[in-house]
Amino acid sequence: MVSIHVEDDQNTLEVEPNQNLAEICDEYPISLLFGCREASCGTCLVEVVKGIENLSPITADEQDLLDVLAPDNPHARLACQCVVMGDISISSLQG
């Protein structure tokens, strides 16, 4: 099991590893928003506060959108593109 701490909600989820973060969020009542799920809208932009090394690598499509939405934040990720492989702590970057 891995832990996903959602700082906005002060909620920690315990889930099986190697799942897409957006799909995990569909199963639990947390405050992250999702739109397209294809790295093109940016509604699921999060900051990985801890454990960024425990997410799948950034794809070219995700990096293209991160370059626009959070160019100076090396901890930004699109939750729809992340596979969770270990413990993480996240916070929403959308306001």
N, C-alpha and C. Protein backbone atom coordinates (compact mmCIF):
# COMPACT_ATOMS: atom_id res chain seq x y z
N MET A 1 0.84 -1.19 0.00
CA MET A 1 0.00 0.00 0.00
C MET A 1 0.88 1.25 0.00
N VAL A 2 0.35 2.30 -0.61
CA VAL A 2 1.04 3.59 -0.61
C VAL A 2 0.09 4.64 -0.03
N SER A 3 0.67 5.72 0.50
CA SER A 3 -0.10 6.81 1.08
C SER A 3 -0.09 8.01 0.14
N ILE A 4 -1.27 8.60 -0.04
CA ILE A 4 -1.39 9.85 -0.79
C ILE A 4 -2.01 10.86 0.17
N HIS A 5 -1.20 11.83 0.57
CA HIS A 5 -1.70 12.86 1.47
C HIS A 5 -2.14 14.06 0.64
N VAL A 6 -3.40 14.46 0.76
CA VAL A 6 -3.96 15.60 0.04
C VAL A 6 -4.01 16.76 1.03
N GLU A 7 -3.05 17.68 0.92
CA GLU A 7 -2.92 18.75 1.90
C GLU A 7 -4.13 19.67 1.93
N ASP A 8 -4.77 19.92 0.77
CA ASP A 8 -5.95 20.80 0.73
C ASP A 8 -7.07 20.28 1.64
N ASP A 9 -7.19 18.97 1.72
CA ASP A 9 -8.27 18.34 2.50
C ASP A 9 -7.79 17.82 3.85
N GLN A 10 -6.47 17.83 4.08
CA GLN A 10 -5.89 17.19 5.26
C GLN A 10 -6.41 15.75 5.37
N ASN A 11 -6.31 15.05 4.25
CA ASN A 11 -6.82 13.68 4.14
C ASN A 11 -5.71 12.81 3.56
N THR A 12 -5.54 11.62 4.11
CA THR A 12 -4.55 10.68 3.60
C THR A 12 -5.26 9.43 3.12
N LEU A 13 -4.97 9.05 1.88
CA LEU A 13 -5.56 7.85 1.28
C LEU A 13 -4.53 6.74 1.31
N GLU A 14 -4.95 5.54 1.57
CA GLU A 14 -4.11 4.35 1.50
C GLU A 14 -4.62 3.52 0.33
N VAL A 15 -3.77 3.36 -0.69
CA VAL A 15 -4.20 2.68 -1.92
C VAL A 15 -3.12 1.72 -2.41
N GLU A 16 -3.51 0.87 -3.32
CA GLU A 16 -2.55 -0.01 -3.99
C GLU A 16 -1.65 0.83 -4.89
N PRO A 17 -0.38 0.49 -5.01
CA PRO A 17 0.52 1.25 -5.89
C PRO A 17 0.25 0.97 -7.37
N ASN A 18 0.90 1.76 -8.22
CA ASN A 18 0.86 1.62 -9.67
C ASN A 18 -0.52 1.88 -10.27
N GLN A 19 -1.21 2.88 -9.70
CA GLN A 19 -2.49 3.32 -10.23
C GLN A 19 -2.36 4.78 -10.67
N ASN A 20 -3.18 5.17 -11.63
CA ASN A 20 -3.24 6.55 -12.08
C ASN A 20 -3.86 7.41 -10.98
N LEU A 21 -3.24 8.57 -10.71
CA LEU A 21 -3.71 9.43 -9.64
C LEU A 21 -5.13 9.92 -9.87
N ALA A 22 -5.49 10.23 -11.09
CA ALA A 22 -6.86 10.68 -11.40
C ALA A 22 -7.87 9.58 -11.10
N GLU A 23 -7.55 8.35 -11.43
CA GLU A 23 -8.47 7.24 -11.17
C GLU A 23 -8.62 7.00 -9.66
N ILE A 24 -7.53 7.17 -8.92
CA ILE A 24 -7.61 7.05 -7.47
C ILE A 24 -8.55 8.13 -6.92
N CYS A 25 -8.37 9.35 -7.41
CA CYS A 25 -9.19 10.46 -6.93
C CYS A 25 -10.67 10.29 -7.26
N ASP A 26 -10.97 9.57 -8.33
CA ASP A 26 -12.37 9.27 -8.67
C ASP A 26 -13.03 8.42 -7.59
N GLU A 27 -12.24 7.59 -6.93
CA GLU A 27 -12.79 6.65 -5.96
C GLU A 27 -12.94 7.23 -4.55
N TYR A 28 -12.32 8.38 -4.30
CA TYR A 28 -12.31 8.96 -2.96
C TYR A 28 -12.79 10.40 -3.01
N PRO A 29 -13.51 10.85 -1.98
CA PRO A 29 -14.03 12.22 -1.96
C PRO A 29 -12.94 13.23 -1.57
N ILE A 30 -12.21 13.72 -2.58
CA ILE A 30 -11.20 14.75 -2.33
C ILE A 30 -11.47 15.93 -3.26
N SER A 31 -10.79 17.03 -3.02
CA SER A 31 -11.12 18.28 -3.71
C SER A 31 -10.40 18.53 -5.03
N LEU A 32 -9.64 17.58 -5.55
CA LEU A 32 -8.97 17.79 -6.84
C LEU A 32 -9.99 17.76 -7.97
N LEU A 33 -9.81 18.69 -8.93
CA LEU A 33 -10.70 18.77 -10.07
C LEU A 33 -10.06 18.11 -11.29
N PHE A 34 -10.88 17.59 -12.17
CA PHE A 34 -10.39 16.95 -13.39
C PHE A 34 -11.26 17.37 -14.55
N GLY A 35 -10.63 17.49 -15.71
CA GLY A 35 -11.34 17.83 -16.94
C GLY A 35 -11.07 16.79 -17.99
N CYS A 36 -10.14 17.09 -18.89
CA CYS A 36 -9.93 16.27 -20.07
C CYS A 36 -9.24 14.93 -19.82
N ARG A 37 -8.33 14.88 -18.85
CA ARG A 37 -7.54 13.69 -18.53
C ARG A 37 -6.56 13.31 -19.64
N GLU A 38 -6.22 14.27 -20.49
CA GLU A 38 -5.32 14.01 -21.61
C GLU A 38 -4.16 14.99 -21.67
N ALA A 39 -3.83 15.64 -20.56
CA ALA A 39 -2.75 16.63 -20.50
C ALA A 39 -2.98 17.80 -21.45
N SER A 40 -4.25 18.25 -21.56
CA SER A 40 -4.50 19.40 -22.42
C SER A 40 -5.29 20.52 -21.76
N CYS A 41 -5.90 20.29 -20.58
CA CYS A 41 -6.69 21.37 -19.98
C CYS A 41 -6.06 21.97 -18.73
N GLY A 42 -5.34 21.19 -17.94
CA GLY A 42 -4.65 21.70 -16.77
C GLY A 42 -5.47 21.83 -15.51
N THR A 43 -6.71 21.35 -15.50
CA THR A 43 -7.52 21.49 -14.29
C THR A 43 -7.00 20.67 -13.12
N CYS A 44 -6.22 19.65 -13.40
CA CYS A 44 -5.72 18.77 -12.33
C CYS A 44 -4.28 19.10 -11.92
N LEU A 45 -3.86 20.34 -12.16
CA LEU A 45 -2.50 20.76 -11.82
C LEU A 45 -2.30 20.70 -10.30
N VAL A 46 -1.28 19.95 -9.89
CA VAL A 46 -0.96 19.82 -8.46
C VAL A 46 0.51 20.11 -8.23
N GLU A 47 0.82 20.45 -6.99
CA GLU A 47 2.20 20.56 -6.56
C GLU A 47 2.50 19.34 -5.71
N VAL A 48 3.57 18.64 -6.03
CA VAL A 48 3.97 17.47 -5.26
C VAL A 48 4.88 17.98 -4.15
N VAL A 49 4.33 18.02 -2.93
CA VAL A 49 5.04 18.57 -1.78
C VAL A 49 6.11 17.60 -1.30
N LYS A 50 5.79 16.32 -1.34
CA LYS A 50 6.75 15.27 -0.98
C LYS A 50 6.54 14.08 -1.89
N GLY A 51 7.64 13.41 -2.24
CA GLY A 51 7.56 12.14 -2.96
C GLY A 51 7.48 12.22 -4.47
N ILE A 52 7.94 13.32 -5.07
CA ILE A 52 7.85 13.44 -6.53
C ILE A 52 8.55 12.29 -7.24
N GLU A 53 9.55 11.72 -6.59
CA GLU A 53 10.27 10.57 -7.17
C GLU A 53 9.41 9.31 -7.18
N ASN A 54 8.28 9.34 -6.50
CA ASN A 54 7.38 8.19 -6.43
C ASN A 54 6.25 8.25 -7.46
N LEU A 55 6.41 9.14 -8.45
CA LEU A 55 5.46 9.24 -9.55
C LEU A 55 6.13 8.83 -10.85
N SER A 56 5.31 8.40 -11.80
CA SER A 56 5.84 8.04 -13.12
C SER A 56 6.52 9.27 -13.74
N PRO A 57 7.44 9.04 -14.66
CA PRO A 57 8.12 10.17 -15.32
C PRO A 57 7.15 11.05 -16.11
N ILE A 58 7.54 12.29 -16.28
CA ILE A 58 6.75 13.25 -17.05
C ILE A 58 6.84 12.90 -18.54
N THR A 59 5.68 12.85 -19.19
CA THR A 59 5.65 12.62 -20.64
C THR A 59 5.87 13.94 -21.37
N ALA A 60 6.14 13.88 -22.65
CA ALA A 60 6.34 15.08 -23.45
C ALA A 60 5.09 15.96 -23.47
N ASP A 61 3.91 15.33 -23.60
CA ASP A 61 2.66 16.10 -23.61
C ASP A 61 2.44 16.81 -22.28
N GLU A 62 2.72 16.11 -21.18
CA GLU A 62 2.56 16.73 -19.86
C GLU A 62 3.54 17.89 -19.71
N GLN A 63 4.79 17.69 -20.12
CA GLN A 63 5.80 18.74 -19.99
C GLN A 63 5.42 19.98 -20.78
N ASP A 64 4.85 19.79 -21.97
CA ASP A 64 4.42 20.92 -22.80
C ASP A 64 3.42 21.80 -22.03
N LEU A 65 2.46 21.18 -21.36
CA LEU A 65 1.46 21.95 -20.62
C LEU A 65 2.04 22.52 -19.32
N LEU A 66 2.91 21.78 -18.66
CA LEU A 66 3.56 22.30 -17.45
C LEU A 66 4.41 23.52 -17.78
N ASP A 67 5.03 23.54 -18.94
CA ASP A 67 5.84 24.69 -19.36
C ASP A 67 5.00 25.96 -19.47
N VAL A 68 3.72 25.81 -19.76
CA VAL A 68 2.81 26.95 -19.86
C VAL A 68 2.20 27.29 -18.50
N LEU A 69 1.72 26.29 -17.78
CA LEU A 69 0.97 26.51 -16.54
C LEU A 69 1.83 26.77 -15.31
N ALA A 70 2.99 26.15 -15.25
CA ALA A 70 3.83 26.25 -14.06
C ALA A 70 5.30 26.20 -14.46
N PRO A 71 5.74 27.16 -15.28
CA PRO A 71 7.08 27.07 -15.85
C PRO A 71 8.21 27.12 -14.82
N ASP A 72 7.97 27.74 -13.68
CA ASP A 72 9.03 27.88 -12.68
C ASP A 72 8.83 26.97 -11.47
N ASN A 73 7.98 25.97 -11.61
CA ASN A 73 7.71 25.07 -10.48
C ASN A 73 8.10 23.64 -10.84
N PRO A 74 9.27 23.20 -10.38
CA PRO A 74 9.72 21.84 -10.71
C PRO A 74 8.93 20.74 -9.99
N HIS A 75 8.04 21.14 -9.09
CA HIS A 75 7.24 20.17 -8.35
C HIS A 75 5.80 20.08 -8.88
N ALA A 76 5.51 20.77 -9.97
CA ALA A 76 4.18 20.73 -10.56
C ALA A 76 4.02 19.48 -11.41
N ARG A 77 2.84 18.89 -11.33
CA ARG A 77 2.48 17.73 -12.16
C ARG A 77 1.00 17.82 -12.49
N LEU A 78 0.61 17.11 -13.54
CA LEU A 78 -0.80 16.95 -13.89
C LEU A 78 -1.24 15.60 -13.33
N ALA A 79 -2.16 15.64 -12.40
CA ALA A 79 -2.58 14.40 -11.73
C ALA A 79 -3.11 13.36 -12.71
N CYS A 80 -3.70 13.80 -13.81
CA CYS A 80 -4.24 12.85 -14.78
C CYS A 80 -3.15 12.06 -15.48
N GLN A 81 -1.92 12.51 -15.40
CA GLN A 81 -0.81 11.86 -16.09
C GLN A 81 0.10 11.05 -15.17
N CYS A 82 -0.17 11.09 -13.87
CA CYS A 82 0.72 10.46 -12.88
C CYS A 82 0.28 9.06 -12.48
N VAL A 83 1.22 8.15 -12.48
CA VAL A 83 1.02 6.84 -11.88
C VAL A 83 1.75 6.88 -10.54
N VAL A 84 1.03 6.54 -9.48
CA VAL A 84 1.58 6.60 -8.13
C VAL A 84 2.26 5.28 -7.80
N MET A 85 3.56 5.36 -7.51
CA MET A 85 4.35 4.16 -7.22
C MET A 85 4.82 4.09 -5.77
N GLY A 86 4.64 5.19 -5.03
CA GLY A 86 5.06 5.25 -3.63
C GLY A 86 4.36 6.41 -2.94
N ASP A 87 4.71 6.66 -1.69
CA ASP A 87 4.05 7.68 -0.90
C ASP A 87 4.29 9.07 -1.48
N ILE A 88 3.21 9.88 -1.51
CA ILE A 88 3.29 11.27 -1.99
C ILE A 88 2.44 12.17 -1.11
N SER A 89 2.72 13.44 -1.18
CA SER A 89 1.89 14.48 -0.58
C SER A 89 1.69 15.53 -1.64
N ILE A 90 0.40 15.91 -1.90
CA ILE A 90 0.09 16.83 -2.98
C ILE A 90 -0.78 17.97 -2.49
N SER A 91 -0.75 19.07 -3.25
CA SER A 91 -1.60 20.23 -2.99
C SER A 91 -2.03 20.78 -4.34
N SER A 92 -3.26 21.23 -4.44
CA SER A 92 -3.77 21.77 -5.70
C SER A 92 -3.08 23.09 -6.03
N LEU A 93 -2.80 23.31 -7.31
CA LEU A 93 -2.26 24.58 -7.77
C LEU A 93 -3.32 25.40 -8.49
N GLN A 94 -4.51 24.88 -8.61
CA GLN A 94 -5.61 25.62 -9.23
C GLN A 94 -6.39 26.33 -8.15
N GLY A 95 -6.73 27.56 -8.39
CA GLY A 95 -7.44 28.32 -7.37
C GLY A 95 -8.72 28.76 -7.88
